Amino acid sequence: MGIGRPMSRAFLAACSDALACVAAACATTASVPGEHMGLPPRADRYTWVDAHCSDGPIDLAAIGFERTLDVERRRDSILLTFDTALATEGCRSTSVWTARREQQLYLYAFAPEAWVALPAGTSCGAEERTPALGELHFAGDTLEIVMQRSPWCRGFDTHFIYRAVPAPELGGRELVARYVAHFSRGDADALAAMFERGGALIEPFSPTKDGQPTRHEGRAAIRAYFERVFTSARWHAARLIALSPGDEENVIIADLEYMDSELAEPLRVRASFVLAAGEIFESDTQLVSDPKPAPRPSTEPTS
């Protein structure tokens, strides 16, 4: 169960020759300030191909397990976005994690930052929502992720093996799930990047003179809007309730619950997303319930 042991057999098998192994080892152990050596220089997509526990096999195929993984290298961390489906349970989930390098060779601190599942309220497999220590091993087109004390392995270490695949355009469900996840994380940059360069966001929350919804056009304006949203309350959260198709083939409707420190109860909203080439061309959010502000603490002196 310990971290820092020799690489697994699956990782070693991914090195097809001695030169590939040497290159992978050197890239991982080299020390360059501000760099994650051995990691891909850009966002990459992987698909799950195998898994096992440190104490034996795990049969994920029996439950119809499917998973894709997007890996994005950032300045001080790695962003991991998992899309998981379980055919036997009829559920899908999107979870976003960060991995930050520790001092020990190969060791990373993994932290879950958002979880979006449909049907709403389902766990969709093991409850992977606890921070953990683990390892990242890249070799050619293969990635192995090791996590300590995994719920998939009864508390033993789990080894998930992924292989790089071409990154097709995201579908409507994946786009909306990422939108909700990044909103819950408070990541204005990630949200703005999901929009087409000249895309638009329409929302009813910003005050206008004529009482009409406010339109924010372009990624810079959309980013600025989300930055204001995330600084307007001490905390905030969003939950995806349901998805349904819109009137057009490229439109998807999301029913959501929103809650923050300034509200007395969750706010129900409905958002429509017009999609174009794997990006959001336009989003339009409408209120389903009226906001109920949280009561303010009394400022009157007590006798």
C-alpha atoms as a PDB file:
ATOM      1  CA  MET A   1       0.000   0.000   0.000  1.00  0.00           C
ATOM      2  CA  GLY A   2       2.990   2.325   0.317  1.00  0.00           C
ATOM      3  CA  ILE A   3       3.909   5.013  -2.171  1.00  0.00           C
ATOM      4  CA  GLY A   4       7.334   5.100  -3.753  1.00  0.00           C
ATOM      5  CA  ARG A   5       7.585   1.371  -4.488  1.00  0.00           C
ATOM      6  CA  PRO A   6       8.781   0.107  -7.907  1.00  0.00           C
ATOM      7  CA  MET A   7       6.530   0.857 -10.877  1.00  0.00           C
ATOM      8  CA  SER A   8       3.771  -1.662 -11.576  1.00  0.00           C
ATOM      9  CA  ARG A   9       4.001  -4.387 -14.191  1.00  0.00           C
ATOM     10  CA  ALA A  10       1.423  -2.550 -16.332  1.00  0.00           C
ATOM     11  CA  PHE A  11       3.593   0.550 -16.469  1.00  0.00           C
ATOM     12  CA  LEU A  12       6.732  -1.405 -17.304  1.00  0.00           C
ATOM     13  CA  ALA A  13       4.885  -3.268 -20.046  1.00  0.00           C
ATOM     14  CA  ALA A  14       3.993   0.084 -21.611  1.00  0.00           C
ATOM     15  CA  CYS A  15       7.713   0.769 -22.212  1.00  0.00           C
ATOM     16  CA  SER A  16       8.248  -1.124 -25.438  1.00  0.00           C
ATOM     17  CA  ASP A  17      12.020  -0.805 -25.371  1.00  0.00           C
ATOM     18  CA  ALA A  18      14.832   0.250 -23.063  1.00  0.00           C
ATOM     19  CA  LEU A  19      15.208   3.688 -24.642  1.00  0.00           C
ATOM     20  CA  ALA A  20      11.529   4.500 -24.031  1.00  0.00           C
ATOM     21  CA  CYS A  21      11.885   3.522 -20.372  1.00  0.00           C
ATOM     22  CA  VAL A  22      14.992   5.653 -19.946  1.00  0.00           C
ATOM     23  CA  ALA A  23      13.307   8.649 -21.589  1.00  0.00           C
ATOM     24  CA  ALA A  24      10.220   8.293 -19.384  1.00  0.00           C
ATOM     25  CA  ALA A  25      12.293   7.952 -16.212  1.00  0.00           C
ATOM     26  CA  CYS A  26      14.483  10.952 -17.048  1.00  0.00           C
ATOM     27  CA  ALA A  27      11.479  13.111 -17.904  1.00  0.00           C
ATOM     28  CA  THR A  28       9.841  12.237 -14.589  1.00  0.00           C
ATOM     29  CA  THR A  29      12.817  12.707 -12.299  1.00  0.00           C
ATOM     30  CA  ALA A  30      14.364  15.826 -13.835  1.00  0.00           C
ATOM     31  CA  SER A  31      14.015  18.974 -11.786  1.00  0.00           C
ATOM     32  CA  VAL A  32      13.101  22.209 -13.548  1.00  0.00           C
ATOM     33  CA  PRO A  33      11.494  25.002 -11.503  1.00  0.00           C
ATOM     34  CA  GLY A  34       7.804  25.422 -12.225  1.00  0.00           C
ATOM     35  CA  GLU A  35       7.638  22.356 -14.494  1.00  0.00           C
ATOM     36  CA  HIS A  36       5.970  18.961 -14.092  1.00  0.00           C
ATOM     37  CA  MET A  37       8.554  16.892 -15.921  1.00  0.00           C
ATOM     38  CA  GLY A  38       7.280  13.828 -17.733  1.00  0.00           C
ATOM     39  CA  LEU A  39       3.784  15.282 -18.129  1.00  0.00           C
ATOM     40  CA  PRO A  40       2.105  16.157 -21.423  1.00  0.00           C
ATOM     41  CA  PRO A  41       2.678  19.780 -22.523  1.00  0.00           C
ATOM     42  CA  ARG A  42      -1.010  20.322 -23.269  1.00  0.00           C
ATOM     43  CA  ALA A  43      -4.432  18.926 -22.484  1.00  0.00           C
ATOM     44  CA  ASP A  44      -4.745  15.265 -23.544  1.00  0.00           C
ATOM     45  CA  ARG A  45      -7.542  12.729 -23.476  1.00  0.00           C
ATOM     46  CA  TYR A  46      -7.199   9.140 -22.322  1.00  0.00           C
ATOM     47  CA  THR A  47      -9.537   6.179 -22.144  1.00  0.00           C
ATOM     48  CA  TRP A  48      -9.571   3.537 -19.417  1.00  0.00           C
ATOM     49  CA  VAL A  49      -8.187   0.142 -20.462  1.00  0.00           C
ATOM     50  CA  ASP A  50      -7.400  -1.792 -17.269  1.00  0.00           C
ATOM     51  CA  ALA A  51      -7.387  -1.644 -13.462  1.00  0.00           C
ATOM     52  CA  HIS A  52      -6.245  -3.725 -10.523  1.00  0.00           C
ATOM     53  CA  CYS A  53      -5.848  -3.421  -6.766  1.00  0.00           C
ATOM     54  CA  SER A  54      -2.557  -3.787  -4.919  1.00  0.00           C
ATOM     55  CA  ASP A  55      -3.895  -7.029  -3.390  1.00  0.00           C
ATOM     56  CA  GLY A  56      -5.420  -8.536  -6.546  1.00  0.00           C
ATOM     57  CA  PRO A  57      -7.640  -8.027  -9.616  1.00  0.00           C
ATOM     58  CA  ILE A  58     -10.768  -5.877  -9.904  1.00  0.00           C
ATOM     59  CA  ASP A  59     -13.427  -6.743 -12.500  1.00  0.00           C
ATOM     60  CA  LEU A  60     -14.784  -3.367 -13.612  1.00  0.00           C
ATOM     61  CA  ALA A  61     -15.930  -4.750 -16.964  1.00  0.00           C
ATOM     62  CA  ALA A  62     -18.564  -6.773 -15.120  1.00  0.00           C
ATOM     63  CA  ILE A  63     -20.355  -3.567 -14.089  1.00  0.00           C
ATOM     64  CA  GLY A  64     -20.072  -1.974 -17.512  1.00  0.00           C
ATOM     65  CA  PHE A  65     -17.407   0.485 -16.409  1.00  0.00           C
ATOM     66  CA  GLU A  66     -16.295   3.046 -18.990  1.00  0.00           C
ATOM     67  CA  ARG A  67     -14.168   6.129 -18.370  1.00  0.00           C
ATOM     68  CA  THR A  68     -12.406   8.871 -20.256  1.00  0.00           C
ATOM     69  CA  LEU A  69      -9.894  11.192 -18.659  1.00  0.00           C
ATOM     70  CA  ASP A  70      -8.824  14.679 -19.707  1.00  0.00           C
ATOM     71  CA  VAL A  71      -5.407  15.756 -18.416  1.00  0.00           C
ATOM     72  CA  GLU A  72      -4.581  19.466 -18.391  1.00  0.00           C
ATOM     73  CA  ARG A  73      -1.235  20.704 -17.193  1.00  0.00           C
ATOM     74  CA  ARG A  74      -1.476  23.995 -15.306  1.00  0.00           C
ATOM     75  CA  ARG A  75       1.168  26.247 -13.778  1.00  0.00           C
ATOM     76  CA  ASP A  76       1.207  24.668 -10.306  1.00  0.00           C
ATOM     77  CA  SER A  77      -1.029  21.615 -10.673  1.00  0.00           C
ATOM     78  CA  ILE A  78      -2.584  19.095 -13.024  1.00  0.00           C
ATOM     79  CA  LEU A  79      -6.322  19.208 -13.682  1.00  0.00           C
ATOM     80  CA  LEU A  80      -7.902  15.753 -14.086  1.00  0.00           C
ATOM     81  CA  THR A  81     -11.447  15.503 -15.450  1.00  0.00           C
ATOM     82  CA  PHE A  82     -13.020  12.039 -15.303  1.00  0.00           C
ATOM     83  CA  ASP A  83     -16.158  11.077 -17.258  1.00  0.00           C
ATOM     84  CA  THR A  84     -17.429   7.757 -15.925  1.00  0.00           C
ATOM     85  CA  ALA A  85     -20.354   5.565 -16.985  1.00  0.00           C
ATOM     86  CA  LEU A  86     -21.685   2.399 -15.353  1.00  0.00           C
ATOM     87  CA  ALA A  87     -23.937   0.451 -17.717  1.00  0.00           C
ATOM     88  CA  THR A  88     -25.323  -1.795 -14.966  1.00  0.00           C
ATOM     89  CA  GLU A  89     -26.475   1.200 -12.909  1.00  0.00           C
ATOM     90  CA  GLY A  90     -27.492   3.405 -15.829  1.00  0.00           C
ATOM     91  CA  CYS A  91     -25.575   6.379 -14.462  1.00  0.00           C
ATOM     92  CA  ARG A  92     -22.900   8.825 -15.580  1.00  0.00           C
ATOM     93  CA  SER A  93     -20.671  11.127 -13.562  1.00  0.00           C
ATOM     94  CA  THR A  94     -18.129  13.862 -14.186  1.00  0.00           C
ATOM     95  CA  SER A  95     -15.563  14.616 -11.496  1.00  0.00           C
ATOM     96  CA  VAL A  96     -12.774  17.178 -11.464  1.00  0.00           C
ATOM     97  CA  TRP A  97      -9.602  16.649  -9.421  1.00  0.00           C
ATOM     98  CA  THR A  98      -6.349  18.506  -8.968  1.00  0.00           C
ATOM     99  CA  ALA A  99      -3.016  16.736  -8.526  1.00  0.00           C
ATOM    100  CA  ARG A 100      -0.104  18.607  -6.957  1.00  0.00           C
ATOM    101  CA  ARG A 101       3.458  17.321  -6.857  1.00  0.00           C
ATOM    102  CA  GLU A 102       4.889  16.300  -3.505  1.00  0.00           C
ATOM    103  CA  GLN A 103       8.577  16.113  -2.619  1.00  0.00           C
ATOM    104  CA  GLN A 104       8.820  12.347  -2.878  1.00  0.00           C
ATOM    105  CA  LEU A 105       9.466  10.840  -6.331  1.00  0.00           C
ATOM    106  CA  TYR A 106       6.207  10.157  -8.257  1.00  0.00           C
ATOM    107  CA  LEU A 107       4.095  11.260  -5.262  1.00  0.00           C
ATOM    108  CA  TYR A 108       1.107  13.548  -5.804  1.00  0.00           C
ATOM    109  CA  ALA A 109      -1.627  14.913  -3.580  1.00  0.00           C
ATOM    110  CA  PHE A 110      -4.986  14.310  -5.279  1.00  0.00           C
ATOM    111  CA  ALA A 111      -7.911  16.531  -4.263  1.00  0.00           C
ATOM    112  CA  PRO A 112     -11.520  16.211  -5.515  1.00  0.00           C
ATOM    113  CA  GLU A 113     -13.013  19.604  -6.379  1.00  0.00           C
ATOM    114  CA  ALA A 114     -16.375  18.841  -8.024  1.00  0.00           C
ATOM    115  CA  TRP A 115     -18.701  15.924  -8.691  1.00  0.00           C
ATOM    116  CA  VAL A 116     -21.669  15.969 -11.112  1.00  0.00           C
ATOM    117  CA  ALA A 117     -23.789  12.830 -11.525  1.00  0.00           C
ATOM    118  CA  LEU A 118     -26.947  11.827 -13.377  1.00  0.00           C
ATOM    119  CA  PRO A 119     -29.436  10.666 -12.289  1.00  0.00           C
ATOM    120  CA  ALA A 120     -29.126  13.335  -9.613  1.00  0.00           C
ATOM    121  CA  GLY A 121     -28.164  12.033  -6.185  1.00  0.00           C
ATOM    122  CA  THR A 122     -26.523   8.818  -7.406  1.00  0.00           C
ATOM    123  CA  SER A 123     -22.960   7.881  -6.507  1.00  0.00           C
ATOM    124  CA  CYS A 124     -22.316   6.083  -9.841  1.00  0.00           C
ATOM    125  CA  GLY A 125     -19.744   3.655  -8.516  1.00  0.00           C
ATOM    126  CA  ALA A 126     -17.283   3.985  -5.681  1.00  0.00           C
ATOM    127  CA  GLU A 127     -17.434   7.230  -3.702  1.00  0.00           C
ATOM    128  CA  GLU A 128     -14.219   8.787  -4.990  1.00  0.00           C
ATOM    129  CA  ARG A 129     -14.609  12.020  -3.058  1.00  0.00           C
ATOM    130  CA  THR A 130     -11.829  11.854  -0.478  1.00  0.00           C
ATOM    131  CA  PRO A 131      -8.397  13.476  -0.929  1.00  0.00           C
ATOM    132  CA  ALA A 132      -5.651  10.907  -1.378  1.00  0.00           C
ATOM    133  CA  LEU A 133      -1.962  10.497  -2.051  1.00  0.00           C
ATOM    134  CA  GLY A 134      -0.937   8.718  -5.214  1.00  0.00           C
ATOM    135  CA  GLU A 135       1.267   8.486  -8.274  1.00  0.00           C
ATOM    136  CA  LEU A 136       1.198   9.519 -11.927  1.00  0.00           C
ATOM    137  CA  HIS A 137       3.258   7.501 -14.417  1.00  0.00           C
ATOM    138  CA  PHE A 138       3.419   8.511 -18.101  1.00  0.00           C
ATOM    139  CA  ALA A 139       5.035   6.206 -20.670  1.00  0.00           C
ATOM    140  CA  GLY A 140       4.420   6.890 -24.353  1.00  0.00           C
ATOM    141  CA  ASP A 141       0.653   6.845 -24.864  1.00  0.00           C
ATOM    142  CA  THR A 142       0.011   5.109 -21.524  1.00  0.00           C
ATOM    143  CA  LEU A 143      -0.865   6.720 -18.191  1.00  0.00           C
ATOM    144  CA  GLU A 144      -1.085   4.891 -14.878  1.00  0.00           C
ATOM    145  CA  ILE A 145      -2.744   6.547 -11.883  1.00  0.00           C
ATOM    146  CA  VAL A 146      -2.198   4.968  -8.465  1.00  0.00           C
ATOM    147  CA  MET A 147      -4.285   6.105  -5.512  1.00  0.00           C
ATOM    148  CA  GLN A 148      -3.875   5.042  -1.907  1.00  0.00           C
ATOM    149  CA  ARG A 149      -6.746   3.654   0.153  1.00  0.00           C
ATOM    150  CA  SER A 150      -9.140   3.494  -2.776  1.00  0.00           C
ATOM    151  CA  PRO A 151     -12.846   2.723  -2.258  1.00  0.00           C
ATOM    152  CA  TRP A 152     -12.632   0.593  -5.425  1.00  0.00           C
ATOM    153  CA  CYS A 153     -10.176  -1.704  -3.617  1.00  0.00           C
ATOM    154  CA  ARG A 154     -11.541  -1.977  -0.067  1.00  0.00           C
ATOM    155  CA  GLY A 155      -8.996   0.535   1.161  1.00  0.00           C
ATOM    156  CA  PHE A 156      -6.020  -0.911  -0.732  1.00  0.00           C
ATOM    157  CA  ASP A 157      -4.206   0.986  -3.482  1.00  0.00           C
ATOM    158  CA  THR A 158      -5.856   1.071  -6.895  1.00  0.00           C
ATOM    159  CA  HIS A 159      -4.026   1.131 -10.242  1.00  0.00           C
ATOM    160  CA  PHE A 160      -5.967   2.561 -13.188  1.00  0.00           C
ATOM    161  CA  ILE A 161      -4.369   2.237 -16.633  1.00  0.00           C
ATOM    162  CA  TYR A 162      -5.333   4.663 -19.417  1.00  0.00           C
ATOM    163  CA  ARG A 163      -4.302   4.987 -23.066  1.00  0.00           C
ATOM    164  CA  ALA A 164      -4.179   8.214 -25.068  1.00  0.00           C
ATOM    165  CA  VAL A 165      -6.911   8.636 -27.686  1.00  0.00           C
ATOM    166  CA  PRO A 166      -7.847  11.419 -30.126  1.00  0.00           C
ATOM    167  CA  ALA A 167      -9.959  14.044 -28.394  1.00  0.00           C
ATOM    168  CA  PRO A 168     -13.299  14.305 -30.201  1.00  0.00           C
ATOM    169  CA  GLU A 169     -15.712  17.155 -29.602  1.00  0.00           C
ATOM    170  CA  LEU A 170     -17.489  16.942 -26.271  1.00  0.00           C
ATOM    171  CA  GLY A 171     -21.167  16.057 -26.363  1.00  0.00           C
ATOM    172  CA  GLY A 172     -23.914  18.085 -24.723  1.00  0.00           C
ATOM    173  CA  ARG A 173     -23.986  16.065 -21.495  1.00  0.00           C
ATOM    174  CA  GLU A 174     -20.234  16.301 -21.020  1.00  0.00           C
ATOM    175  CA  LEU A 175     -20.188  20.042 -21.746  1.00  0.00           C
ATOM    176  CA  VAL A 176     -22.975  20.830 -19.299  1.00  0.00           C
ATOM    177  CA  ALA A 177     -21.478  18.572 -16.619  1.00  0.00           C
ATOM    178  CA  ARG A 178     -18.144  20.381 -16.951  1.00  0.00           C
ATOM    179  CA  TYR A 179     -19.946  23.726 -16.848  1.00  0.00           C
ATOM    180  CA  VAL A 180     -21.612  22.810 -13.544  1.00  0.00           C
ATOM    181  CA  ALA A 181     -18.387  21.334 -12.157  1.00  0.00           C
ATOM    182  CA  HIS A 182     -16.263  24.382 -12.985  1.00  0.00           C
ATOM    183  CA  PHE A 183     -18.979  26.664 -11.604  1.00  0.00           C
ATOM    184  CA  SER A 184     -18.930  24.747  -8.325  1.00  0.00           C
ATOM    185  CA  ARG A 185     -15.110  25.046  -8.322  1.00  0.00           C
ATOM    186  CA  GLY A 186     -15.322  28.797  -8.892  1.00  0.00           C
ATOM    187  CA  ASP A 187     -13.062  28.607 -11.954  1.00  0.00           C
ATOM    188  CA  ALA A 188     -13.939  31.621 -14.125  1.00  0.00           C
ATOM    189  CA  ASP A 189     -11.124  30.894 -16.575  1.00  0.00           C
ATOM    190  CA  ALA A 190     -12.287  27.329 -17.236  1.00  0.00           C
ATOM    191  CA  LEU A 191     -15.892  28.460 -17.692  1.00  0.00           C
ATOM    192  CA  ALA A 192     -14.998  31.233 -20.147  1.00  0.00           C
ATOM    193  CA  ALA A 193     -12.817  28.830 -22.131  1.00  0.00           C
ATOM    194  CA  MET A 194     -15.838  26.588 -22.725  1.00  0.00           C
ATOM    195  CA  PHE A 195     -17.516  29.311 -24.798  1.00  0.00           C
ATOM    196  CA  GLU A 196     -16.883  29.960 -28.466  1.00  0.00           C
ATOM    197  CA  ARG A 197     -14.596  32.984 -28.811  1.00  0.00           C
ATOM    198  CA  GLY A 198     -17.503  35.277 -29.693  1.00  0.00           C
ATOM    199  CA  GLY A 199     -20.060  33.364 -27.625  1.00  0.00           C
ATOM    200  CA  ALA A 200     -22.633  34.927 -25.335  1.00  0.00           C
ATOM    201  CA  LEU A 201     -23.999  34.378 -21.831  1.00  0.00           C
ATOM    202  CA  ILE A 202     -27.473  35.725 -20.966  1.00  0.00           C
ATOM    203  CA  GLU A 203     -28.456  35.955 -17.290  1.00  0.00           C
ATOM    204  CA  PRO A 204     -31.194  37.622 -15.201  1.00  0.00           C
ATOM    205  CA  PHE A 205     -29.137  38.384 -12.089  1.00  0.00           C
ATOM    206  CA  SER A 206     -27.295  41.572 -13.064  1.00  0.00           C
ATOM    207  CA  PRO A 207     -29.416  44.729 -12.678  1.00  0.00           C
ATOM    208  CA  THR A 208     -30.431  46.567 -15.857  1.00  0.00           C
ATOM    209  CA  LYS A 209     -32.352  49.802 -16.380  1.00  0.00           C
ATOM    210  CA  ASP A 210     -35.090  48.166 -18.438  1.00  0.00           C
ATOM    211  CA  GLY A 211     -35.352  45.034 -16.314  1.00  0.00           C
ATOM    212  CA  GLN A 212     -34.275  42.760 -19.176  1.00  0.00           C
ATOM    213  CA  PRO A 213     -31.693  39.963 -18.888  1.00  0.00           C
ATOM    214  CA  THR A 214     -28.073  41.009 -19.285  1.00  0.00           C
ATOM    215  CA  ARG A 215     -26.030  39.756 -22.222  1.00  0.00           C
ATOM    216  CA  HIS A 216     -22.261  39.198 -21.896  1.00  0.00           C
ATOM    217  CA  GLU A 217     -20.476  38.672 -25.210  1.00  0.00           C
ATOM    218  CA  GLY A 218     -16.994  37.253 -25.723  1.00  0.00           C
ATOM    219  CA  ARG A 219     -14.798  35.215 -23.402  1.00  0.00           C
ATOM    220  CA  ALA A 220     -13.351  38.256 -21.614  1.00  0.00           C
ATOM    221  CA  ALA A 221     -16.796  39.590 -20.688  1.00  0.00           C
ATOM    222  CA  ILE A 222     -17.979  36.123 -19.642  1.00  0.00           C
ATOM    223  CA  ARG A 223     -14.888  35.616 -17.479  1.00  0.00           C
ATOM    224  CA  ALA A 224     -15.419  39.003 -15.818  1.00  0.00           C
ATOM    225  CA  TYR A 225     -19.041  38.120 -15.073  1.00  0.00           C
ATOM    226  CA  PHE A 226     -18.122  34.843 -13.376  1.00  0.00           C
ATOM    227  CA  GLU A 227     -15.361  36.548 -11.398  1.00  0.00           C
ATOM    228  CA  ARG A 228     -17.967  38.964  -9.996  1.00  0.00           C
ATOM    229  CA  VAL A 229     -20.301  36.065  -9.194  1.00  0.00           C
ATOM    230  CA  PHE A 230     -17.612  34.165  -7.301  1.00  0.00           C
ATOM    231  CA  THR A 231     -16.672  37.185  -5.177  1.00  0.00           C
ATOM    232  CA  SER A 232     -20.274  38.125  -4.348  1.00  0.00           C
ATOM    233  CA  ALA A 233     -20.736  35.377  -1.724  1.00  0.00           C
ATOM    234  CA  ARG A 234     -18.577  33.546   0.805  1.00  0.00           C
ATOM    235  CA  TRP A 235     -19.425  30.215  -0.832  1.00  0.00           C
ATOM    236  CA  HIS A 236     -21.574  28.887  -3.646  1.00  0.00           C
ATOM    237  CA  ALA A 237     -22.677  25.537  -5.077  1.00  0.00           C
ATOM    238  CA  ALA A 238     -24.573  24.196  -8.075  1.00  0.00           C
ATOM    239  CA  ARG A 239     -26.286  20.854  -8.646  1.00  0.00           C
ATOM    240  CA  LEU A 240     -27.417  19.376 -11.948  1.00  0.00           C
ATOM    241  CA  ILE A 241     -30.938  17.969 -11.629  1.00  0.00           C
ATOM    242  CA  ALA A 242     -31.828  16.879 -15.164  1.00  0.00           C
ATOM    243  CA  LEU A 243     -30.957  17.280 -18.841  1.00  0.00           C
ATOM    244  CA  SER A 244     -33.367  17.372 -21.768  1.00  0.00           C
ATOM    245  CA  PRO A 245     -33.057  18.087 -25.501  1.00  0.00           C
ATOM    246  CA  GLY A 246     -34.036  21.499 -26.830  1.00  0.00           C
ATOM    247  CA  ASP A 247     -36.103  22.337 -29.891  1.00  0.00           C
ATOM    248  CA  GLU A 248     -33.007  22.231 -32.104  1.00  0.00           C
ATOM    249  CA  GLU A 249     -30.511  19.388 -32.410  1.00  0.00           C
ATOM    250  CA  ASN A 250     -27.655  21.509 -31.041  1.00  0.00           C
ATOM    251  CA  VAL A 251     -29.574  22.773 -27.993  1.00  0.00           C
ATOM    252  CA  ILE A 252     -29.620  21.134 -24.564  1.00  0.00           C
ATOM    253  CA  ILE A 253     -31.642  22.208 -21.515  1.00  0.00           C
ATOM    254  CA  ALA A 254     -30.322  21.854 -17.967  1.00  0.00           C
ATOM    255  CA  ASP A 255     -32.390  22.073 -14.782  1.00  0.00           C
ATOM    256  CA  LEU A 256     -30.205  23.211 -11.900  1.00  0.00           C
ATOM    257  CA  GLU A 257     -30.218  24.123  -8.235  1.00  0.00           C
ATOM    258  CA  TYR A 258     -28.042  26.995  -7.079  1.00  0.00           C
ATOM    259  CA  MET A 259     -27.167  27.888  -3.504  1.00  0.00           C
ATOM    260  CA  ASP A 260     -24.825  30.388  -1.876  1.00  0.00           C
ATOM    261  CA  SER A 261     -24.195  32.049   1.482  1.00  0.00           C
ATOM    262  CA  GLU A 262     -26.605  34.906   0.674  1.00  0.00           C
ATOM    263  CA  LEU A 263     -29.672  32.710   0.047  1.00  0.00           C
ATOM    264  CA  ALA A 264     -32.103  31.172   2.528  1.00  0.00           C
ATOM    265  CA  GLU A 265     -32.860  28.197   0.280  1.00  0.00           C
ATOM    266  CA  PRO A 266     -31.704  26.767  -3.072  1.00  0.00           C
ATOM    267  CA  LEU A 267     -32.688  28.654  -6.199  1.00  0.00           C
ATOM    268  CA  ARG A 268     -34.102  26.664  -9.124  1.00  0.00           C
ATOM    269  CA  VAL A 269     -32.933  27.755 -12.558  1.00  0.00           C
ATOM    270  CA  ARG A 270     -33.197  26.462 -16.117  1.00  0.00           C
ATOM    271  CA  ALA A 271     -30.353  27.047 -18.547  1.00  0.00           C
ATOM    272  CA  SER A 272     -30.340  26.434 -22.284  1.00  0.00           C
ATOM    273  CA  PHE A 273     -27.073  25.831 -24.110  1.00  0.00           C
ATOM    274  CA  VAL A 274     -26.611  26.305 -27.843  1.00  0.00           C
ATOM    275  CA  LEU A 275     -23.631  24.164 -28.855  1.00  0.00           C
ATOM    276  CA  ALA A 276     -21.290  24.574 -31.803  1.00  0.00           C
ATOM    277  CA  ALA A 277     -18.262  22.394 -32.597  1.00  0.00           C
ATOM    278  CA  GLY A 278     -17.839  21.206 -29.005  1.00  0.00           C
ATOM    279  CA  GLU A 279     -18.136  24.705 -27.502  1.00  0.00           C
ATOM    280  CA  ILE A 280     -20.941  26.817 -26.050  1.00  0.00           C
ATOM    281  CA  PHE A 281     -22.182  29.336 -28.598  1.00  0.00           C
ATOM    282  CA  GLU A 282     -24.784  30.810 -26.251  1.00  0.00           C
ATOM    283  CA  SER A 283     -26.193  30.078 -22.811  1.00  0.00           C
ATOM    284  CA  ASP A 284     -29.404  31.555 -21.461  1.00  0.00           C
ATOM    285  CA  THR A 285     -30.320  31.174 -17.782  1.00  0.00           C
ATOM    286  CA  GLN A 286     -33.857  31.755 -16.517  1.00  0.00           C
ATOM    287  CA  LEU A 287     -35.246  31.732 -12.991  1.00  0.00           C
ATOM    288  CA  VAL A 288     -37.696  28.973 -12.074  1.00  0.00           C
ATOM    289  CA  SER A 289     -38.097  30.047  -8.428  1.00  0.00           C
ATOM    290  CA  ASP A 290     -37.714  33.438  -6.802  1.00  0.00           C
ATOM    291  CA  PRO A 291     -34.564  34.153  -4.762  1.00  0.00           C
ATOM    292  CA  LYS A 292     -35.100  34.205  -1.000  1.00  0.00           C
ATOM    293  CA  PRO A 293     -32.293  36.159   0.677  1.00  0.00           C
ATOM    294  CA  ALA A 294     -30.818  34.786   3.875  1.00  0.00           C
ATOM    295  CA  PRO A 295     -31.838  36.781   6.970  1.00  0.00           C
ATOM    296  CA  ARG A 296     -29.310  39.386   8.017  1.00  0.00           C
ATOM    297  CA  PRO A 297     -27.974  39.248  11.565  1.00  0.00           C
ATOM    298  CA  SER A 298     -29.447  41.939  13.770  1.00  0.00           C
ATOM    299  CA  THR A 299     -27.219  44.949  14.410  1.00  0.00           C
ATOM    300  CA  GLU A 300     -29.348  46.316  17.262  1.00  0.00           C
ATOM    301  CA  PRO A 301     -27.636  46.353  20.661  1.00  0.00           C
ATOM    302  CA  THR A 302     -28.855  43.760  23.121  1.00  0.00           C
ATOM    303  CA  SER A 303     -29.995  44.822  26.564  1.00  0.00           C
END
